[in-house]
Amino acid sequence: MKRTIKEKEIITKKKVIIKKSSNDRLWLCWFCISW
């Protein structure tokens, strides 16, 4: 049980990192367009 919880945490952390990086890219694109 403990192991699966830890694996879930790792997966969610990876998802959050992916989400954040794609958000940053979107923001950068928007910044370039607005310039």
N, C-alpha and C. Protein backbone atom coordinates (compact mmCIF):
# COMPACT_ATOMS: atom_id res chain seq x y z
N MET A 1 0.84 -1.21 0.00
CA MET A 1 0.00 0.00 0.00
C MET A 1 0.87 1.26 0.00
N LYS A 2 1.83 1.29 0.87
CA LYS A 2 2.71 2.48 0.94
C LYS A 2 3.38 2.73 -0.40
N ARG A 3 3.82 1.64 -1.03
CA ARG A 3 4.54 1.78 -2.29
C ARG A 3 3.65 2.42 -3.35
N THR A 4 2.41 1.99 -3.45
CA THR A 4 1.52 2.54 -4.48
C THR A 4 1.25 4.03 -4.22
N ILE A 5 1.13 4.40 -2.97
CA ILE A 5 0.89 5.82 -2.64
C ILE A 5 2.09 6.64 -3.11
N LYS A 6 3.29 6.14 -2.86
CA LYS A 6 4.50 6.86 -3.27
C LYS A 6 4.56 6.97 -4.80
N GLU A 7 4.21 5.91 -5.47
CA GLU A 7 4.22 5.94 -6.94
C GLU A 7 3.23 6.97 -7.45
N LYS A 8 2.06 7.01 -6.83
CA LYS A 8 1.05 8.01 -7.23
C LYS A 8 1.60 9.42 -7.04
N GLU A 9 2.26 9.65 -5.93
CA GLU A 9 2.84 10.98 -5.67
C GLU A 9 3.82 11.36 -6.76
N ILE A 10 4.67 10.42 -7.13
CA ILE A 10 5.67 10.69 -8.17
C ILE A 10 4.98 11.02 -9.48
N ILE A 11 3.94 10.26 -9.81
CA ILE A 11 3.21 10.50 -11.07
C ILE A 11 2.58 11.89 -11.06
N THR A 12 1.96 12.25 -9.95
CA THR A 12 1.31 13.58 -9.89
C THR A 12 2.36 14.68 -9.99
N LYS A 13 3.51 14.48 -9.37
CA LYS A 13 4.57 15.50 -9.45
C LYS A 13 5.01 15.67 -10.89
N LYS A 14 5.17 14.56 -11.60
CA LYS A 14 5.58 14.63 -13.01
C LYS A 14 4.52 15.37 -13.82
N LYS A 15 3.25 15.06 -13.57
CA LYS A 15 2.17 15.73 -14.28
C LYS A 15 2.21 17.23 -14.03
N VAL A 16 2.42 17.62 -12.79
CA VAL A 16 2.46 19.04 -12.44
C VAL A 16 3.62 19.72 -13.17
N ILE A 17 4.77 19.06 -13.21
CA ILE A 17 5.93 19.64 -13.90
C ILE A 17 5.62 19.81 -15.39
N ILE A 18 5.01 18.81 -16.00
CA ILE A 18 4.67 18.89 -17.42
C ILE A 18 3.69 20.04 -17.65
N LYS A 19 2.69 20.12 -16.80
CA LYS A 19 1.68 21.18 -16.92
C LYS A 19 2.36 22.55 -16.83
N LYS A 20 3.24 22.71 -15.85
CA LYS A 20 3.89 23.99 -15.64
C LYS A 20 4.74 24.37 -16.85
N SER A 21 5.50 23.44 -17.38
CA SER A 21 6.37 23.75 -18.51
C SER A 21 5.55 24.13 -19.74
N SER A 22 4.45 23.45 -19.98
CA SER A 22 3.61 23.79 -21.14
C SER A 22 2.96 25.15 -20.92
N ASN A 23 2.61 25.46 -19.69
CA ASN A 23 2.03 26.77 -19.37
C ASN A 23 3.05 27.87 -19.65
N ASP A 24 4.28 27.65 -19.24
CA ASP A 24 5.34 28.64 -19.47
C ASP A 24 5.52 28.87 -20.97
N ARG A 25 5.46 27.81 -21.74
CA ARG A 25 5.65 27.92 -23.18
C ARG A 25 4.52 28.74 -23.79
N LEU A 26 3.31 28.45 -23.35
CA LEU A 26 2.14 29.20 -23.84
C LEU A 26 2.31 30.68 -23.51
N TRP A 27 2.70 30.95 -22.30
CA TRP A 27 2.86 32.34 -21.86
C TRP A 27 3.93 33.04 -22.70
N LEU A 28 5.01 32.34 -22.96
CA LEU A 28 6.09 32.92 -23.78
C LEU A 28 5.58 33.23 -25.18
N CYS A 29 4.84 32.31 -25.76
CA CYS A 29 4.27 32.53 -27.10
C CYS A 29 3.40 33.78 -27.09
N TRP A 30 2.54 33.87 -26.10
CA TRP A 30 1.64 35.02 -26.01
C TRP A 30 2.44 36.31 -25.87
N PHE A 31 3.49 36.25 -25.09
CA PHE A 31 4.35 37.42 -24.89
C PHE A 31 4.97 37.85 -26.22
N CYS A 32 5.45 36.88 -26.98
CA CYS A 32 6.05 37.18 -28.29
C CYS A 32 5.02 37.81 -29.22
N ILE A 33 3.82 37.28 -29.22
CA ILE A 33 2.76 37.80 -30.11
C ILE A 33 2.39 39.24 -29.71
N SER A 34 2.27 39.47 -28.41
CA SER A 34 1.86 40.80 -27.95
C SER A 34 2.94 41.84 -28.25
N TRP A 35 4.17 41.39 -28.37
CA TRP A 35 5.23 42.34 -28.73
C TRP A 35 5.09 42.68 -30.21
